[in-house]
C-alpha atoms as a PDB file:
ATOM      1  CA  UNK A   1      23.643  13.280  -9.330  1.00  0.00           C
ATOM      2  CA  UNK A   2      20.553  12.780  -7.294  1.00  0.00           C
ATOM      3  CA  UNK A   3      18.436  10.972  -8.049  1.00  0.00           C
ATOM      4  CA  UNK A   4      14.623  10.099  -6.998  1.00  0.00           C
ATOM      5  CA  UNK A   5      13.437   6.463  -8.070  1.00  0.00           C
ATOM      6  CA  UNK A   6       9.896   6.840  -7.101  1.00  0.00           C
ATOM      7  CA  UNK A   7       7.093   4.258  -6.756  1.00  0.00           C
ATOM      8  CA  UNK A   8      10.035   1.951  -6.192  1.00  0.00           C
ATOM      9  CA  UNK A   9      10.187  -1.268  -3.340  1.00  0.00           C
ATOM     10  CA  UNK A  10      12.720  -3.155  -5.379  1.00  0.00           C
ATOM     11  CA  UNK A  11      15.875  -0.909  -5.001  1.00  0.00           C
ATOM     12  CA  UNK A  12      17.320  -2.737  -8.221  1.00  0.00           C
ATOM     13  CA  UNK A  13      16.641   0.932 -10.514  1.00  0.00           C
ATOM     14  CA  UNK A  14      18.069   2.784  -7.030  1.00  0.00           C
ATOM     15  CA  UNK A  15      20.532   0.631  -6.938  1.00  0.00           C
ATOM     16  CA  UNK A  16      22.067   0.750 -10.515  1.00  0.00           C
ATOM     17  CA  UNK A  17      22.621   4.636 -10.169  1.00  0.00           C
ATOM     18  CA  UNK A  18      23.904   4.463  -6.787  1.00  0.00           C
ATOM     19  CA  UNK A  19      26.804   1.978  -8.026  1.00  0.00           C
ATOM     20  CA  UNK A  20      27.426   4.347 -10.709  1.00  0.00           C
ATOM     21  CA  UNK A  21      28.434   6.999  -7.491  1.00  0.00           C
ATOM     22  CA  UNK A  22      25.038   9.226  -7.768  1.00  0.00           C
ATOM     23  CA  UNK A  23      22.848   9.896  -4.421  1.00  0.00           C
ATOM     24  CA  UNK A  24      19.522   7.730  -5.622  1.00  0.00           C
ATOM     25  CA  UNK A  25      17.347   7.045  -3.127  1.00  0.00           C
ATOM     26  CA  UNK A  26      13.879   4.980  -3.768  1.00  0.00           C
ATOM     27  CA  UNK A  27      10.553   6.037  -2.391  1.00  0.00           C
ATOM     28  CA  UNK A  28       7.624   3.801  -1.821  1.00  0.00           C
ATOM     29  CA  UNK A  29       4.496   3.008   0.698  1.00  0.00           C
ATOM     30  CA  UNK A  30       6.245  -0.472   1.546  1.00  0.00           C
ATOM     31  CA  UNK A  31      10.015  -0.799   3.019  1.00  0.00           C
ATOM     32  CA  UNK A  32      12.775  -1.584   0.177  1.00  0.00           C
ATOM     33  CA  UNK A  33      13.736  -5.272  -0.888  1.00  0.00           C
ATOM     34  CA  UNK A  34      17.425  -4.516  -0.961  1.00  0.00           C
ATOM     35  CA  UNK A  35      18.934  -2.665   1.526  1.00  0.00           C
ATOM     36  CA  UNK A  36      19.934   1.046   0.156  1.00  0.00           C
ATOM     37  CA  UNK A  37      18.951   4.982   0.839  1.00  0.00           C
ATOM     38  CA  UNK A  38      15.272   4.204   0.648  1.00  0.00           C
ATOM     39  CA  UNK A  39      12.318   6.482   2.101  1.00  0.00           C
ATOM     40  CA  UNK A  40       9.286   4.530   3.214  1.00  0.00           C
ATOM     41  CA  UNK A  41       5.484   6.862   2.169  1.00  0.00           C
ATOM     42  CA  UNK A  42       4.361   8.988   0.066  1.00  0.00           C
ATOM     43  CA  UNK A  43       6.664  10.317  -2.982  1.00  0.00           C
ATOM     44  CA  UNK A  44       4.436  13.236  -3.223  1.00  0.00           C
ATOM     45  CA  UNK A  45       5.329  13.911   0.245  1.00  0.00           C
ATOM     46  CA  UNK A  46       8.953  14.394  -1.354  1.00  0.00           C
ATOM     47  CA  UNK A  47       7.865  16.441  -3.882  1.00  0.00           C
ATOM     48  CA  UNK A  48       6.264  18.786  -2.207  1.00  0.00           C
ATOM     49  CA  UNK A  49       8.720  19.488   0.584  1.00  0.00           C
ATOM     50  CA  UNK A  50      11.414  20.922  -2.180  1.00  0.00           C
ATOM     51  CA  UNK A  51      13.130  22.588   0.842  1.00  0.00           C
ATOM     52  CA  UNK A  52      13.812  19.114   2.893  1.00  0.00           C
ATOM     53  CA  UNK A  53      14.016  17.012  -0.425  1.00  0.00           C
ATOM     54  CA  UNK A  54      15.282  19.063  -2.838  1.00  0.00           C
ATOM     55  CA  UNK A  55      16.919  19.467  -5.352  1.00  0.00           C
ATOM     56  CA  UNK A  56      16.751  16.038  -7.799  1.00  0.00           C
ATOM     57  CA  UNK A  57      18.120  16.086 -11.260  1.00  0.00           C
ATOM     58  CA  UNK A  58      16.464  12.657 -11.596  1.00  0.00           C
ATOM     59  CA  UNK A  59      13.350  11.502 -11.208  1.00  0.00           C
ATOM     60  CA  UNK A  60      12.291   7.562 -12.389  1.00  0.00           C
ATOM     61  CA  UNK A  61       9.072   7.078 -11.245  1.00  0.00           C
ATOM     62  CA  UNK A  62       6.878   3.588 -11.854  1.00  0.00           C
ATOM     63  CA  UNK A  63       3.195   4.765 -10.560  1.00  0.00           C
ATOM     64  CA  UNK A  64       1.539   1.481 -10.117  1.00  0.00           C
ATOM     65  CA  UNK A  65      -0.473   0.714 -13.121  1.00  0.00           C
ATOM     66  CA  UNK A  66      -3.873  -1.575 -11.808  1.00  0.00           C
ATOM     67  CA  UNK A  67      -6.434   0.935 -12.981  1.00  0.00           C
ATOM     68  CA  UNK A  68      -3.826   2.090 -16.428  1.00  0.00           C
ATOM     69  CA  UNK A  69      -2.620  -0.991 -17.546  1.00  0.00           C
ATOM     70  CA  UNK A  70      -4.761  -2.421 -20.792  1.00  0.00           C
ATOM     71  CA  UNK A  71      -4.149  -6.093 -19.002  1.00  0.00           C
ATOM     72  CA  UNK A  72      -6.121  -4.393 -16.355  1.00  0.00           C
ATOM     73  CA  UNK A  73      -9.180  -3.950 -18.677  1.00  0.00           C
ATOM     74  CA  UNK A  74     -11.813  -6.022 -18.119  1.00  0.00           C
ATOM     75  CA  UNK A  75     -11.981  -4.676 -14.326  1.00  0.00           C
ATOM     76  CA  UNK A  76     -12.086  -0.144 -14.663  1.00  0.00           C
ATOM     77  CA  UNK A  77     -16.360  -0.442 -14.500  1.00  0.00           C
ATOM     78  CA  UNK A  78     -17.435   0.137 -11.544  1.00  0.00           C
ATOM     79  CA  UNK A  79     -13.390   1.567 -10.418  1.00  0.00           C
ATOM     80  CA  UNK A  80     -13.812   4.830 -11.972  1.00  0.00           C
ATOM     81  CA  UNK A  81     -12.814   6.723  -9.052  1.00  0.00           C
ATOM     82  CA  UNK A  82      -9.625   4.301  -8.140  1.00  0.00           C
ATOM     83  CA  UNK A  83      -8.909   4.688 -12.271  1.00  0.00           C
ATOM     84  CA  UNK A  84      -9.193   8.777 -11.610  1.00  0.00           C
ATOM     85  CA  UNK A  85      -6.921   8.656  -8.940  1.00  0.00           C
ATOM     86  CA  UNK A  86      -4.471   6.699 -10.929  1.00  0.00           C
ATOM     87  CA  UNK A  87      -4.741   9.104 -13.758  1.00  0.00           C
ATOM     88  CA  UNK A  88      -3.765  12.291 -10.930  1.00  0.00           C
ATOM     89  CA  UNK A  89      -0.902  10.670  -9.567  1.00  0.00           C
ATOM     90  CA  UNK A  90       0.604   9.514 -12.494  1.00  0.00           C
ATOM     91  CA  UNK A  91       0.177  13.160 -14.213  1.00  0.00           C
ATOM     92  CA  UNK A  92       1.185  14.653 -10.339  1.00  0.00           C
ATOM     93  CA  UNK A  93       4.821  12.775 -11.297  1.00  0.00           C
ATOM     94  CA  UNK A  94       4.762  13.427 -14.963  1.00  0.00           C
ATOM     95  CA  UNK A  95       4.488  17.059 -14.057  1.00  0.00           C
ATOM     96  CA  UNK A  96       6.601  17.563 -11.275  1.00  0.00           C
ATOM     97  CA  UNK A  97       9.409  20.197 -11.130  1.00  0.00           C
ATOM     98  CA  UNK A  98      12.674  18.277 -11.653  1.00  0.00           C
ATOM     99  CA  UNK A  99      14.806  19.199 -15.108  1.00  0.00           C
ATOM    100  CA  UNK A 100      14.667  15.258 -15.930  1.00  0.00           C
ATOM    101  CA  UNK A 101      12.228  12.543 -15.391  1.00  0.00           C
ATOM    102  CA  UNK A 102      10.935   9.571 -17.051  1.00  0.00           C
ATOM    103  CA  UNK A 103       7.572   8.153 -15.826  1.00  0.00           C
ATOM    104  CA  UNK A 104       7.025   3.789 -16.905  1.00  0.00           C
ATOM    105  CA  UNK A 105       3.816   2.046 -17.158  1.00  0.00           C
ATOM    106  CA  UNK A 106       2.561  -0.761 -19.677  1.00  0.00           C
ATOM    107  CA  UNK A 107       0.458   0.047 -22.291  1.00  0.00           C
ATOM    108  CA  UNK A 108      -2.505   1.933 -21.077  1.00  0.00           C
ATOM    109  CA  UNK A 109      -5.372   4.627 -20.858  1.00  0.00           C
ATOM    110  CA  UNK A 110      -2.098   7.401 -19.984  1.00  0.00           C
ATOM    111  CA  UNK A 111      -1.473   7.273 -24.081  1.00  0.00           C
ATOM    112  CA  UNK A 112      -5.378   8.793 -24.703  1.00  0.00           C
ATOM    113  CA  UNK A 113      -5.117  11.002 -21.411  1.00  0.00           C
ATOM    114  CA  UNK A 114      -1.811  12.276 -20.876  1.00  0.00           C
ATOM    115  CA  UNK A 115       0.049  11.536 -24.746  1.00  0.00           C
ATOM    116  CA  UNK A 116       1.493   8.980 -26.042  1.00  0.00           C
ATOM    117  CA  UNK A 117       4.404   7.169 -24.540  1.00  0.00           C
ATOM    118  CA  UNK A 118       7.929   8.726 -26.318  1.00  0.00           C
ATOM    119  CA  UNK A 119       9.544   5.444 -26.145  1.00  0.00           C
ATOM    120  CA  UNK A 120       8.403   1.786 -25.907  1.00  0.00           C
ATOM    121  CA  UNK A 121      10.908  -1.284 -24.453  1.00  0.00           C
ATOM    122  CA  UNK A 122      10.612  -4.157 -24.330  1.00  0.00           C
ATOM    123  CA  UNK A 123      13.373  -6.423 -21.902  1.00  0.00           C
ATOM    124  CA  UNK A 124      14.627  -8.196 -24.519  1.00  0.00           C
ATOM    125  CA  UNK A 125      16.069  -5.627 -25.617  1.00  0.00           C
ATOM    126  CA  UNK A 126      18.488  -5.057 -22.203  1.00  0.00           C
ATOM    127  CA  UNK A 127      19.847  -8.752 -21.961  1.00  0.00           C
ATOM    128  CA  UNK A 128      16.245 -10.618 -20.652  1.00  0.00           C
ATOM    129  CA  UNK A 129      14.453 -13.164 -22.732  1.00  0.00           C
ATOM    130  CA  UNK A 130      11.521 -11.968 -22.565  1.00  0.00           C
ATOM    131  CA  UNK A 131       8.511  -9.918 -23.325  1.00  0.00           C
ATOM    132  CA  UNK A 132       6.929  -6.993 -21.429  1.00  0.00           C
ATOM    133  CA  UNK A 133       6.021  -3.969 -23.302  1.00  0.00           C
ATOM    134  CA  UNK A 134       6.773  -0.756 -21.157  1.00  0.00           C
ATOM    135  CA  UNK A 135       6.143   2.640 -21.758  1.00  0.00           C
ATOM    136  CA  UNK A 136       8.045   5.719 -21.522  1.00  0.00           C
ATOM    137  CA  UNK A 137       6.835   9.062 -21.168  1.00  0.00           C
ATOM    138  CA  UNK A 138      10.336  11.371 -21.173  1.00  0.00           C
ATOM    139  CA  UNK A 139      10.951  14.968 -19.790  1.00  0.00           C
ATOM    140  CA  UNK A 140      14.743  15.818 -21.161  1.00  0.00           C
ATOM    141  CA  UNK A 141      15.750  12.710 -21.391  1.00  0.00           C
ATOM    142  CA  UNK A 142      17.351  10.998 -24.637  1.00  0.00           C
ATOM    143  CA  UNK A 143      15.542   7.691 -25.724  1.00  0.00           C
ATOM    144  CA  UNK A 144      16.754   4.330 -23.841  1.00  0.00           C
ATOM    145  CA  UNK A 145      19.209   2.469 -26.092  1.00  0.00           C
ATOM    146  CA  UNK A 146      19.048  -1.166 -26.395  1.00  0.00           C
ATOM    147  CA  UNK A 147      21.780  -2.702 -24.804  1.00  0.00           C
ATOM    148  CA  UNK A 148      21.670  -6.470 -24.855  1.00  0.00           C
ATOM    149  CA  UNK A 149      18.661  -7.793 -27.789  1.00  0.00           C
ATOM    150  CA  UNK A 150      18.397 -11.691 -26.906  1.00  0.00           C
ATOM    151  CA  UNK A 151      16.697 -14.045 -28.991  1.00  0.00           C
ATOM    152  CA  UNK A 152      14.005 -16.589 -27.130  1.00  0.00           C
ATOM    153  CA  UNK A 153      11.842 -13.778 -25.881  1.00  0.00           C
ATOM    154  CA  UNK A 154       8.320 -15.227 -24.033  1.00  0.00           C
ATOM    155  CA  UNK A 155       5.993 -13.484 -22.024  1.00  0.00           C
ATOM    156  CA  UNK A 156       6.643 -14.744 -17.711  1.00  0.00           C
ATOM    157  CA  UNK A 157       5.389 -12.405 -16.149  1.00  0.00           C
ATOM    158  CA  UNK A 158       1.700 -12.617 -17.880  1.00  0.00           C
ATOM    159  CA  UNK A 159       2.653 -16.638 -16.490  1.00  0.00           C
ATOM    160  CA  UNK A 160       2.885 -15.640 -12.944  1.00  0.00           C
ATOM    161  CA  UNK A 161       1.375 -17.995 -11.001  1.00  0.00           C
ATOM    162  CA  UNK A 162      -1.445 -16.149  -8.942  1.00  0.00           C
ATOM    163  CA  UNK A 163      -0.159 -15.621  -5.371  1.00  0.00           C
ATOM    164  CA  UNK A 164      -0.016 -12.799  -2.951  1.00  0.00           C
ATOM    165  CA  UNK A 165       3.800 -11.460  -4.243  1.00  0.00           C
ATOM    166  CA  UNK A 166       2.789 -11.959  -8.198  1.00  0.00           C
ATOM    167  CA  UNK A 167       2.158  -8.264  -8.219  1.00  0.00           C
ATOM    168  CA  UNK A 168       5.308  -7.367  -6.957  1.00  0.00           C
ATOM    169  CA  UNK A 169       7.379  -9.994  -8.907  1.00  0.00           C
ATOM    170  CA  UNK A 170       5.436  -8.525 -12.025  1.00  0.00           C
ATOM    171  CA  UNK A 171       6.255  -5.154 -11.319  1.00  0.00           C
ATOM    172  CA  UNK A 172      10.291  -5.215 -10.684  1.00  0.00           C
ATOM    173  CA  UNK A 173      12.128  -3.595 -13.437  1.00  0.00           C
ATOM    174  CA  UNK A 174      14.647  -6.018 -14.955  1.00  0.00           C
ATOM    175  CA  UNK A 175      18.553  -5.827 -13.860  1.00  0.00           C
ATOM    176  CA  UNK A 176      19.533  -4.905 -17.355  1.00  0.00           C
ATOM    177  CA  UNK A 177      17.161  -2.314 -18.275  1.00  0.00           C
ATOM    178  CA  UNK A 178      17.794  -0.491 -14.977  1.00  0.00           C
ATOM    179  CA  UNK A 179      21.782  -0.902 -16.003  1.00  0.00           C
ATOM    180  CA  UNK A 180      21.308   1.088 -19.209  1.00  0.00           C
ATOM    181  CA  UNK A 181      19.155   3.667 -17.562  1.00  0.00           C
ATOM    182  CA  UNK A 182      21.822   3.887 -15.342  1.00  0.00           C
ATOM    183  CA  UNK A 183      24.725   4.404 -17.690  1.00  0.00           C
ATOM    184  CA  UNK A 184      22.849   5.877 -20.385  1.00  0.00           C
ATOM    185  CA  UNK A 185      20.992   8.179 -17.911  1.00  0.00           C
ATOM    186  CA  UNK A 186      23.610   9.042 -15.572  1.00  0.00           C
END
């Protein structure tokens, strides 16, 4: 299966699919942290040029949540243009002409600007003892089934110390979730 992992710099989801034998490509504006099949640039270029990059069977997209997540709502005022751009980008991903799509984002404005998510997952459902509600908007995909429910849940991402890499540390998909996606959707 040909899999596009949009807006992923870490390579975690890409490699989970590649490890299952899929032709997986990650795409982000920055280089990948884990060497692998990665397009450094705008995912919309890939989606636009179906002749060169087309034939995707599945896309899992992680659009930036800065202007969409309720956790940042106190900064929305005065940034309406940025939020409209973020909503437009999200909608281009969710409406891409790919048969199977998962767009993930934290709880935020897309529940009212698009529709409620099909599913909300937590890391503790997939072997990680922490909380981080993640919404999934699905197209032609089944709900993600928990694989390893654990106790000892804490909000690690919310406690992330301020640093230049804070956004990166908060945005990486955890391995248990990536593995479940590859196993169940691959």
